[in-house]
Structure formats: C-alpha cells, structure tokens
Amino acid sequence: MRDAIDRYAKDDERDIVLFEPKELDEALIGIAVRIGLSVAAYDYNKLVDVHHKKLGMTLEEAEEWVQVNTMGAYVGDGTPVVVWVPE
C-alpha cells in the first residue's frame, strides 16, 4: 500500500505523510481526499492491533497510544486520518 500511495503522491505532486514505523502500514487503508487535500487513511482497529501484537503493548496501552499519540498528533495539513470501521 505504501508504494501505491507514494506513486499517487508523485503523480499528483503532493506530499502524503505516513505514520512510522512501517509496521503501521498494515493499518493503511488508502487515501482520504477532499478539495485540495489528500491524506493517508488508517483503520483504527488495525492500528491498535499492530501496536498490541507487533509493537508489544498491552491492549489498553495500544488503545491509549493510538488515541493520544496518533489520533492526537498534528503534523500539518498532511496529517493522516484515522477511520473507525465498524466490525
């Protein structure tokens, strides 16, 4: 997915911010677009799952990390969005 988004950004001449570390790419679901703005979109549940299972956090730590440090982060107009997908 990261490669496809990089190609889109290059073709569209935009910088698209992606979360690090690259393990979080497992939660990357696409690009959210509105007038004049394209940003990376991540699945909330998958972000929590990656933090929990791959980055060694408890489930509670993972949920808090995603809510405070990921969803609460602002890195400019290109800040990714986090999408809650009902199961």
C-alpha atoms as a PDB file:
ATOM      1  CA  MET A   1       0.000   0.000   0.000  1.00  0.00           C
ATOM      2  CA  ARG A   2       2.848   2.404   0.839  1.00  0.00           C
ATOM      3  CA  ASP A   3       4.263   2.054  -2.684  1.00  0.00           C
ATOM      4  CA  ALA A   4       0.861   2.731  -4.264  1.00  0.00           C
ATOM      5  CA  ILE A   5       0.417   5.836  -2.121  1.00  0.00           C
ATOM      6  CA  ASP A   6       3.929   7.024  -2.977  1.00  0.00           C
ATOM      7  CA  ARG A   7       3.089   6.650  -6.698  1.00  0.00           C
ATOM      8  CA  TYR A   8      -0.197   8.537  -6.216  1.00  0.00           C
ATOM      9  CA  ALA A   9       1.591  11.333  -4.378  1.00  0.00           C
ATOM     10  CA  LYS A  10       4.244  11.599  -7.077  1.00  0.00           C
ATOM     11  CA  ASP A  11       1.653  11.635  -9.888  1.00  0.00           C
ATOM     12  CA  ASP A  12      -0.458  14.185  -8.016  1.00  0.00           C
ATOM     13  CA  GLU A  13       2.615  16.218  -6.955  1.00  0.00           C
ATOM     14  CA  ARG A  14       1.610  16.052  -3.286  1.00  0.00           C
ATOM     15  CA  ASP A  15       3.404  15.080  -0.123  1.00  0.00           C
ATOM     16  CA  ILE A  16       1.463  12.462   1.799  1.00  0.00           C
ATOM     17  CA  VAL A  17       2.531  11.873   5.397  1.00  0.00           C
ATOM     18  CA  LEU A  18       2.619   8.244   6.520  1.00  0.00           C
ATOM     19  CA  PHE A  19       2.862   7.038  10.098  1.00  0.00           C
ATOM     20  CA  GLU A  20       6.072   5.412  11.278  1.00  0.00           C
ATOM     21  CA  PRO A  21       7.227   2.771  11.980  1.00  0.00           C
ATOM     22  CA  LYS A  22       6.497   0.951   8.736  1.00  0.00           C
ATOM     23  CA  GLU A  23       4.760  -1.839  10.681  1.00  0.00           C
ATOM     24  CA  LEU A  24       1.797   0.541  10.830  1.00  0.00           C
ATOM     25  CA  ASP A  25       1.371   0.107   7.067  1.00  0.00           C
ATOM     26  CA  GLU A  26      -0.728  -2.946   7.947  1.00  0.00           C
ATOM     27  CA  ALA A  27      -3.401  -0.478   9.088  1.00  0.00           C
ATOM     28  CA  LEU A  28      -3.093   1.742   5.998  1.00  0.00           C
ATOM     29  CA  ILE A  29      -6.352   1.550   4.042  1.00  0.00           C
ATOM     30  CA  GLY A  30      -5.924   4.234   1.391  1.00  0.00           C
ATOM     31  CA  ILE A  31      -6.109   7.943   0.793  1.00  0.00           C
ATOM     32  CA  ALA A  32      -8.799  10.330   2.011  1.00  0.00           C
ATOM     33  CA  VAL A  33      -9.427  13.128  -0.489  1.00  0.00           C
ATOM     34  CA  ARG A  34     -11.249  16.429  -0.281  1.00  0.00           C
ATOM     35  CA  ILE A  35     -10.876  19.631  -2.237  1.00  0.00           C
ATOM     36  CA  GLY A  36      -7.174  20.409  -2.473  1.00  0.00           C
ATOM     37  CA  LEU A  37      -6.097  17.844   0.108  1.00  0.00           C
ATOM     38  CA  SER A  38      -5.092  14.180   0.024  1.00  0.00           C
ATOM     39  CA  VAL A  39      -4.072  12.404   3.234  1.00  0.00           C
ATOM     40  CA  ALA A  40      -3.286   8.840   4.239  1.00  0.00           C
ATOM     41  CA  ALA A  41      -6.131   6.951   5.904  1.00  0.00           C
ATOM     42  CA  TYR A  42      -5.627   4.295   8.594  1.00  0.00           C
ATOM     43  CA  ASP A  43      -8.017   1.791  10.167  1.00  0.00           C
ATOM     44  CA  TYR A  44      -8.307   2.455  13.930  1.00  0.00           C
ATOM     45  CA  ASN A  45      -8.796  -1.192  14.931  1.00  0.00           C
ATOM     46  CA  LYS A  46      -5.831  -2.291  12.833  1.00  0.00           C
ATOM     47  CA  LEU A  47      -3.621   0.437  14.344  1.00  0.00           C
ATOM     48  CA  VAL A  48      -4.485  -0.802  17.823  1.00  0.00           C
ATOM     49  CA  ASP A  49      -3.856  -4.395  16.742  1.00  0.00           C
ATOM     50  CA  VAL A  50      -0.409  -3.585  15.301  1.00  0.00           C
ATOM     51  CA  HIS A  51       0.624  -1.693  18.440  1.00  0.00           C
ATOM     52  CA  HIS A  52      -0.617  -4.564  20.581  1.00  0.00           C
ATOM     53  CA  LYS A  53       0.668  -7.586  18.665  1.00  0.00           C
ATOM     54  CA  LYS A  54       3.710  -6.307  16.788  1.00  0.00           C
ATOM     55  CA  LEU A  55       4.986  -3.487  18.973  1.00  0.00           C
ATOM     56  CA  GLY A  56       4.488  -5.309  22.287  1.00  0.00           C
ATOM     57  CA  MET A  57       1.944  -3.121  24.044  1.00  0.00           C
ATOM     58  CA  THR A  58      -0.937  -4.371  26.137  1.00  0.00           C
ATOM     59  CA  LEU A  59      -4.324  -3.829  24.523  1.00  0.00           C
ATOM     60  CA  GLU A  60      -5.028  -0.938  26.896  1.00  0.00           C
ATOM     61  CA  GLU A  61      -1.642   0.672  26.172  1.00  0.00           C
ATOM     62  CA  ALA A  62      -2.206   0.266  22.442  1.00  0.00           C
ATOM     63  CA  GLU A  63      -5.641   1.906  22.567  1.00  0.00           C
ATOM     64  CA  GLU A  64      -4.317   4.812  24.624  1.00  0.00           C
ATOM     65  CA  TRP A  65      -1.270   5.244  22.374  1.00  0.00           C
ATOM     66  CA  VAL A  66      -3.382   5.365  19.225  1.00  0.00           C
ATOM     67  CA  GLN A  67      -5.900   7.777  20.750  1.00  0.00           C
ATOM     68  CA  VAL A  68      -3.367  10.174  22.287  1.00  0.00           C
ATOM     69  CA  ASN A  69      -0.207   9.931  20.187  1.00  0.00           C
ATOM     70  CA  THR A  70      -1.603   9.003  16.796  1.00  0.00           C
ATOM     71  CA  MET A  71      -5.071  10.494  16.563  1.00  0.00           C
ATOM     72  CA  GLY A  72      -3.944  13.407  18.716  1.00  0.00           C
ATOM     73  CA  ALA A  73      -0.905  14.201  16.571  1.00  0.00           C
ATOM     74  CA  TYR A  74      -0.907  17.123  14.154  1.00  0.00           C
ATOM     75  CA  VAL A  75       1.893  17.340  11.609  1.00  0.00           C
ATOM     76  CA  GLY A  76       0.376  19.951   9.336  1.00  0.00           C
ATOM     77  CA  ASP A  77      -2.212  19.794   6.580  1.00  0.00           C
ATOM     78  CA  GLY A  78      -0.984  16.340   5.561  1.00  0.00           C
ATOM     79  CA  THR A  79      -1.759  14.745   8.927  1.00  0.00           C
ATOM     80  CA  PRO A  80      -3.240  11.286   8.265  1.00  0.00           C
ATOM     81  CA  VAL A  81      -6.803  10.480   9.268  1.00  0.00           C
ATOM     82  CA  VAL A  82      -7.848   7.513  11.358  1.00  0.00           C
ATOM     83  CA  VAL A  83     -11.065   5.787  10.338  1.00  0.00           C
ATOM     84  CA  TRP A  84     -13.187   3.741  12.669  1.00  0.00           C
ATOM     85  CA  VAL A  85     -14.556   0.797  10.706  1.00  0.00           C
ATOM     86  CA  PRO A  86     -17.443  -0.995  12.446  1.00  0.00           C
ATOM     87  CA  GLU A  87     -16.941  -4.728  12.710  1.00  0.00           C
END
